């Protein structure tokens, strides 16, 4: 007949309806998988909030001791290709490899010139935007005045076209 494994019971407390249990590393337990790692550290006396059916718990400090710090890699490394090259209809890298929507086309290698990067557009500052907005609004006032005094149909149409153009510019800001 198989022998029943001896189960270690850890201390528990109940405070304000919440159950707390002492860390598993508070006693020497040679059957525990983490014992060879944690044996060199002093015993832990941290209490951890647990659920009603929990039999043992390992606190965050002891988990950090067993696992160790994470390996942090160097971050983003550029491949030498433009940002978003996978989504371009056609992209040619500096070595002459041709890609159609991110899929390499080996038959076309070296047939096309490398894709050139477009310079980024200068972004307007808040102050520049405000100044541009006031200029457009002033122009709109002038055009409105001209529309009121316009007598001929061609002048009214030209004024409406200018107004629409200024409204589009204003919307872009």
C-alpha atoms as a PDB file:
ATOM      1  CA  UNK A   1       0.000   0.000   0.000  1.00  0.00           C
ATOM      2  CA  UNK A   2       1.300   3.455  -0.993  1.00  0.00           C
ATOM      3  CA  UNK A   3       2.234   5.804   1.745  1.00  0.00           C
ATOM      4  CA  UNK A   4       0.379   9.086   1.929  1.00  0.00           C
ATOM      5  CA  UNK A   5       2.644  12.102   1.377  1.00  0.00           C
ATOM      6  CA  UNK A   6       3.056  14.256   4.451  1.00  0.00           C
ATOM      7  CA  UNK A   7       1.459  17.671   3.833  1.00  0.00           C
ATOM      8  CA  UNK A   8       2.959  20.713   5.550  1.00  0.00           C
ATOM      9  CA  UNK A   9       0.391  23.130   6.902  1.00  0.00           C
ATOM     10  CA  UNK A  10       1.406  26.753   6.942  1.00  0.00           C
ATOM     11  CA  UNK A  11       0.240  29.344   9.471  1.00  0.00           C
ATOM     12  CA  UNK A  12      -2.859  31.322   8.519  1.00  0.00           C
ATOM     13  CA  UNK A  13      -4.594  34.396   9.941  1.00  0.00           C
ATOM     14  CA  UNK A  14      -7.963  35.969   9.215  1.00  0.00           C
ATOM     15  CA  UNK A  15      -8.293  39.749   9.439  1.00  0.00           C
ATOM     16  CA  UNK A  16     -11.423  41.652   8.435  1.00  0.00           C
ATOM     17  CA  UNK A  17     -12.729  38.583   6.592  1.00  0.00           C
ATOM     18  CA  UNK A  18      -9.524  38.191   4.545  1.00  0.00           C
ATOM     19  CA  UNK A  19      -7.301  35.132   4.851  1.00  0.00           C
ATOM     20  CA  UNK A  20      -3.510  35.563   5.081  1.00  0.00           C
ATOM     21  CA  UNK A  21      -0.869  32.822   4.936  1.00  0.00           C
ATOM     22  CA  UNK A  22       2.821  32.897   5.821  1.00  0.00           C
ATOM     23  CA  UNK A  23       5.354  32.432   3.007  1.00  0.00           C
ATOM     24  CA  UNK A  24       6.420  28.885   2.155  1.00  0.00           C
ATOM     25  CA  UNK A  25      10.053  29.875   2.732  1.00  0.00           C
ATOM     26  CA  UNK A  26       9.361  30.465   6.444  1.00  0.00           C
ATOM     27  CA  UNK A  27      10.219  26.828   7.266  1.00  0.00           C
ATOM     28  CA  UNK A  28      12.777  24.356   5.897  1.00  0.00           C
ATOM     29  CA  UNK A  29      11.000  22.202   3.324  1.00  0.00           C
ATOM     30  CA  UNK A  30      13.379  19.922   1.394  1.00  0.00           C
ATOM     31  CA  UNK A  31      10.569  18.481  -0.774  1.00  0.00           C
ATOM     32  CA  UNK A  32       9.835  21.913  -2.275  1.00  0.00           C
ATOM     33  CA  UNK A  33      11.328  22.496  -5.762  1.00  0.00           C
ATOM     34  CA  UNK A  34      12.630  25.952  -4.871  1.00  0.00           C
ATOM     35  CA  UNK A  35      14.449  24.775  -1.745  1.00  0.00           C
ATOM     36  CA  UNK A  36      17.923  24.397  -3.352  1.00  0.00           C
ATOM     37  CA  UNK A  37      17.757  28.022  -4.512  1.00  0.00           C
ATOM     38  CA  UNK A  38      16.151  29.517  -1.402  1.00  0.00           C
ATOM     39  CA  UNK A  39      18.213  27.509   1.132  1.00  0.00           C
ATOM     40  CA  UNK A  40      21.077  29.999   0.932  1.00  0.00           C
ATOM     41  CA  UNK A  41      18.782  32.919   1.909  1.00  0.00           C
ATOM     42  CA  UNK A  42      17.428  33.608   5.393  1.00  0.00           C
ATOM     43  CA  UNK A  43      13.899  32.426   6.281  1.00  0.00           C
ATOM     44  CA  UNK A  44      11.064  34.675   5.129  1.00  0.00           C
ATOM     45  CA  UNK A  45       8.272  35.929   7.401  1.00  0.00           C
ATOM     46  CA  UNK A  46       6.026  37.695   4.876  1.00  0.00           C
ATOM     47  CA  UNK A  47       2.260  37.225   5.086  1.00  0.00           C
ATOM     48  CA  UNK A  48       0.346  37.081   1.798  1.00  0.00           C
ATOM     49  CA  UNK A  49      -3.411  37.445   1.190  1.00  0.00           C
ATOM     50  CA  UNK A  50      -4.767  34.148  -0.195  1.00  0.00           C
ATOM     51  CA  UNK A  51      -8.021  32.487  -1.219  1.00  0.00           C
ATOM     52  CA  UNK A  52      -9.998  30.018   0.905  1.00  0.00           C
ATOM     53  CA  UNK A  53      -8.582  26.821  -0.689  1.00  0.00           C
ATOM     54  CA  UNK A  54      -4.892  27.773  -0.781  1.00  0.00           C
ATOM     55  CA  UNK A  55      -2.522  25.278   0.872  1.00  0.00           C
ATOM     56  CA  UNK A  56       0.818  27.095   0.381  1.00  0.00           C
ATOM     57  CA  UNK A  57       2.065  30.400  -0.992  1.00  0.00           C
ATOM     58  CA  UNK A  58       5.402  31.913  -1.993  1.00  0.00           C
ATOM     59  CA  UNK A  59       5.718  35.672  -1.451  1.00  0.00           C
ATOM     60  CA  UNK A  60       6.897  38.116  -4.119  1.00  0.00           C
ATOM     61  CA  UNK A  61      10.333  38.542  -2.537  1.00  0.00           C
ATOM     62  CA  UNK A  62      11.062  34.801  -2.583  1.00  0.00           C
ATOM     63  CA  UNK A  63       9.760  34.503  -6.146  1.00  0.00           C
ATOM     64  CA  UNK A  64      12.209  37.233  -7.190  1.00  0.00           C
ATOM     65  CA  UNK A  65      15.030  35.339  -5.470  1.00  0.00           C
ATOM     66  CA  UNK A  66      14.223  32.104  -7.334  1.00  0.00           C
ATOM     67  CA  UNK A  67      13.631  33.664 -10.750  1.00  0.00           C
ATOM     68  CA  UNK A  68      16.249  36.419 -10.822  1.00  0.00           C
ATOM     69  CA  UNK A  69      16.182  39.666 -12.794  1.00  0.00           C
ATOM     70  CA  UNK A  70      14.786  39.689 -16.347  1.00  0.00           C
ATOM     71  CA  UNK A  71      17.099  39.813 -19.362  1.00  0.00           C
ATOM     72  CA  UNK A  72      16.554  43.223 -20.924  1.00  0.00           C
ATOM     73  CA  UNK A  73      17.444  43.311 -24.591  1.00  0.00           C
ATOM     74  CA  UNK A  74      18.879  46.352 -26.356  1.00  0.00           C
ATOM     75  CA  UNK A  75      15.562  47.582 -27.731  1.00  0.00           C
ATOM     76  CA  UNK A  76      14.805  48.451 -31.348  1.00  0.00           C
ATOM     77  CA  UNK A  77      17.527  47.795 -33.916  1.00  0.00           C
ATOM     78  CA  UNK A  78      17.095  49.312 -37.341  1.00  0.00           C
ATOM     79  CA  UNK A  79      17.244  46.921 -40.300  1.00  0.00           C
ATOM     80  CA  UNK A  80      18.205  49.745 -42.633  1.00  0.00           C
ATOM     81  CA  UNK A  81      14.800  49.712 -44.289  1.00  0.00           C
ATOM     82  CA  UNK A  82      12.214  52.463 -44.173  1.00  0.00           C
ATOM     83  CA  UNK A  83       9.494  52.459 -41.549  1.00  0.00           C
ATOM     84  CA  UNK A  84       6.432  50.634 -42.870  1.00  0.00           C
ATOM     85  CA  UNK A  85       8.271  49.039 -45.805  1.00  0.00           C
ATOM     86  CA  UNK A  86       6.160  45.858 -45.397  1.00  0.00           C
ATOM     87  CA  UNK A  87       3.007  47.812 -46.264  1.00  0.00           C
ATOM     88  CA  UNK A  88       4.379  49.558 -49.376  1.00  0.00           C
ATOM     89  CA  UNK A  89       3.176  48.304 -52.763  1.00  0.00           C
ATOM     90  CA  UNK A  90       6.766  48.227 -53.952  1.00  0.00           C
ATOM     91  CA  UNK A  91       9.924  48.637 -51.889  1.00  0.00           C
ATOM     92  CA  UNK A  92      13.546  48.191 -52.958  1.00  0.00           C
ATOM     93  CA  UNK A  93      16.219  48.068 -50.242  1.00  0.00           C
ATOM     94  CA  UNK A  94      19.835  49.223 -50.611  1.00  0.00           C
ATOM     95  CA  UNK A  95      21.012  45.743 -51.720  1.00  0.00           C
ATOM     96  CA  UNK A  96      18.525  45.683 -54.608  1.00  0.00           C
ATOM     97  CA  UNK A  97      16.036  43.233 -53.069  1.00  0.00           C
ATOM     98  CA  UNK A  98      12.535  43.958 -54.370  1.00  0.00           C
ATOM     99  CA  UNK A  99       9.480  43.573 -52.121  1.00  0.00           C
ATOM    100  CA  UNK A 100       5.802  43.737 -53.086  1.00  0.00           C
ATOM    101  CA  UNK A 101       3.668  44.369 -49.965  1.00  0.00           C
ATOM    102  CA  UNK A 102       6.412  42.880 -47.747  1.00  0.00           C
ATOM    103  CA  UNK A 103       6.955  39.731 -49.865  1.00  0.00           C
ATOM    104  CA  UNK A 104      10.368  39.416 -51.493  1.00  0.00           C
ATOM    105  CA  UNK A 105      10.471  38.983 -55.291  1.00  0.00           C
ATOM    106  CA  UNK A 106      13.825  37.260 -56.012  1.00  0.00           C
ATOM    107  CA  UNK A 107      13.323  37.371 -59.810  1.00  0.00           C
ATOM    108  CA  UNK A 108      13.331  41.192 -59.726  1.00  0.00           C
ATOM    109  CA  UNK A 109      16.498  41.569 -57.625  1.00  0.00           C
ATOM    110  CA  UNK A 110      18.720  44.372 -58.910  1.00  0.00           C
ATOM    111  CA  UNK A 111      16.271  45.523 -61.595  1.00  0.00           C
ATOM    112  CA  UNK A 112      15.021  48.636 -59.769  1.00  0.00           C
ATOM    113  CA  UNK A 113      16.668  51.544 -57.977  1.00  0.00           C
ATOM    114  CA  UNK A 114      16.474  51.631 -54.154  1.00  0.00           C
ATOM    115  CA  UNK A 115      13.431  53.383 -52.694  1.00  0.00           C
ATOM    116  CA  UNK A 116      14.260  56.844 -51.370  1.00  0.00           C
ATOM    117  CA  UNK A 117      12.927  58.104 -48.046  1.00  0.00           C
ATOM    118  CA  UNK A 118      10.595  61.077 -48.238  1.00  0.00           C
ATOM    119  CA  UNK A 119      11.591  63.925 -45.912  1.00  0.00           C
ATOM    120  CA  UNK A 120       9.243  64.353 -42.969  1.00  0.00           C
ATOM    121  CA  UNK A 121       6.964  67.382 -43.062  1.00  0.00           C
ATOM    122  CA  UNK A 122       7.682  70.152 -40.583  1.00  0.00           C
ATOM    123  CA  UNK A 123       5.029  70.198 -37.883  1.00  0.00           C
ATOM    124  CA  UNK A 124       3.520  73.565 -37.015  1.00  0.00           C
ATOM    125  CA  UNK A 125       3.797  74.764 -33.436  1.00  0.00           C
ATOM    126  CA  UNK A 126       0.713  75.818 -31.501  1.00  0.00           C
ATOM    127  CA  UNK A 127       1.567  79.482 -31.974  1.00  0.00           C
ATOM    128  CA  UNK A 128       2.108  79.092 -35.747  1.00  0.00           C
ATOM    129  CA  UNK A 129      -1.221  77.281 -36.071  1.00  0.00           C
ATOM    130  CA  UNK A 130      -2.995  80.076 -34.199  1.00  0.00           C
ATOM    131  CA  UNK A 131      -1.395  82.764 -36.401  1.00  0.00           C
ATOM    132  CA  UNK A 132      -2.322  80.853 -39.569  1.00  0.00           C
ATOM    133  CA  UNK A 133      -5.883  80.439 -38.313  1.00  0.00           C
ATOM    134  CA  UNK A 134      -6.259  84.179 -37.666  1.00  0.00           C
ATOM    135  CA  UNK A 135      -4.894  84.975 -41.154  1.00  0.00           C
ATOM    136  CA  UNK A 136      -7.381  82.587 -42.790  1.00  0.00           C
ATOM    137  CA  UNK A 137     -10.270  84.045 -40.766  1.00  0.00           C
ATOM    138  CA  UNK A 138      -9.262  87.582 -41.831  1.00  0.00           C
ATOM    139  CA  UNK A 139      -9.195  86.488 -45.479  1.00  0.00           C
ATOM    140  CA  UNK A 140     -12.618  84.870 -45.038  1.00  0.00           C
ATOM    141  CA  UNK A 141     -14.011  88.168 -43.700  1.00  0.00           C
ATOM    142  CA  UNK A 142     -12.640  90.020 -46.745  1.00  0.00           C
ATOM    143  CA  UNK A 143     -14.137  87.440 -49.137  1.00  0.00           C
ATOM    144  CA  UNK A 144     -17.513  87.619 -47.328  1.00  0.00           C
ATOM    145  CA  UNK A 145     -17.507  91.403 -47.754  1.00  0.00           C
ATOM    146  CA  UNK A 146     -16.727  91.018 -51.461  1.00  0.00           C
ATOM    147  CA  UNK A 147     -19.558  88.479 -51.797  1.00  0.00           C
ATOM    148  CA  UNK A 148     -22.061  90.940 -50.320  1.00  0.00           C
ATOM    149  CA  UNK A 149     -21.083  93.660 -52.793  1.00  0.00           C
ATOM    150  CA  UNK A 150     -20.788  91.300 -55.815  1.00  0.00           C
ATOM    151  CA  UNK A 151     -23.332  92.060 -58.541  1.00  0.00           C
ATOM    152  CA  UNK A 152     -22.432  89.590 -61.265  1.00  0.00           C
ATOM    153  CA  UNK A 153     -22.865  85.824 -61.143  1.00  0.00           C
ATOM    154  CA  UNK A 154     -19.193  85.219 -62.062  1.00  0.00           C
ATOM    155  CA  UNK A 155     -18.050  87.326 -59.077  1.00  0.00           C
ATOM    156  CA  UNK A 156     -20.396  85.432 -56.711  1.00  0.00           C
ATOM    157  CA  UNK A 157     -19.119  82.054 -57.962  1.00  0.00           C
ATOM    158  CA  UNK A 158     -15.473  83.118 -57.664  1.00  0.00           C
ATOM    159  CA  UNK A 159     -16.157  84.338 -54.112  1.00  0.00           C
ATOM    160  CA  UNK A 160     -17.852  81.049 -53.177  1.00  0.00           C
ATOM    161  CA  UNK A 161     -14.893  79.080 -54.553  1.00  0.00           C
ATOM    162  CA  UNK A 162     -12.475  81.204 -52.482  1.00  0.00           C
ATOM    163  CA  UNK A 163     -14.648  80.690 -49.377  1.00  0.00           C
ATOM    164  CA  UNK A 164     -14.698  76.908 -49.839  1.00  0.00           C
ATOM    165  CA  UNK A 165     -10.926  76.877 -50.320  1.00  0.00           C
ATOM    166  CA  UNK A 166     -10.381  78.894 -47.129  1.00  0.00           C
ATOM    167  CA  UNK A 167     -12.813  76.649 -45.201  1.00  0.00           C
ATOM    168  CA  UNK A 168     -10.845  73.566 -46.320  1.00  0.00           C
ATOM    169  CA  UNK A 169      -7.594  75.178 -45.174  1.00  0.00           C
ATOM    170  CA  UNK A 170      -9.188  76.028 -41.835  1.00  0.00           C
ATOM    171  CA  UNK A 171     -10.439  72.457 -41.433  1.00  0.00           C
ATOM    172  CA  UNK A 172      -6.922  71.051 -41.985  1.00  0.00           C
ATOM    173  CA  UNK A 173      -5.574  72.924 -38.957  1.00  0.00           C
END
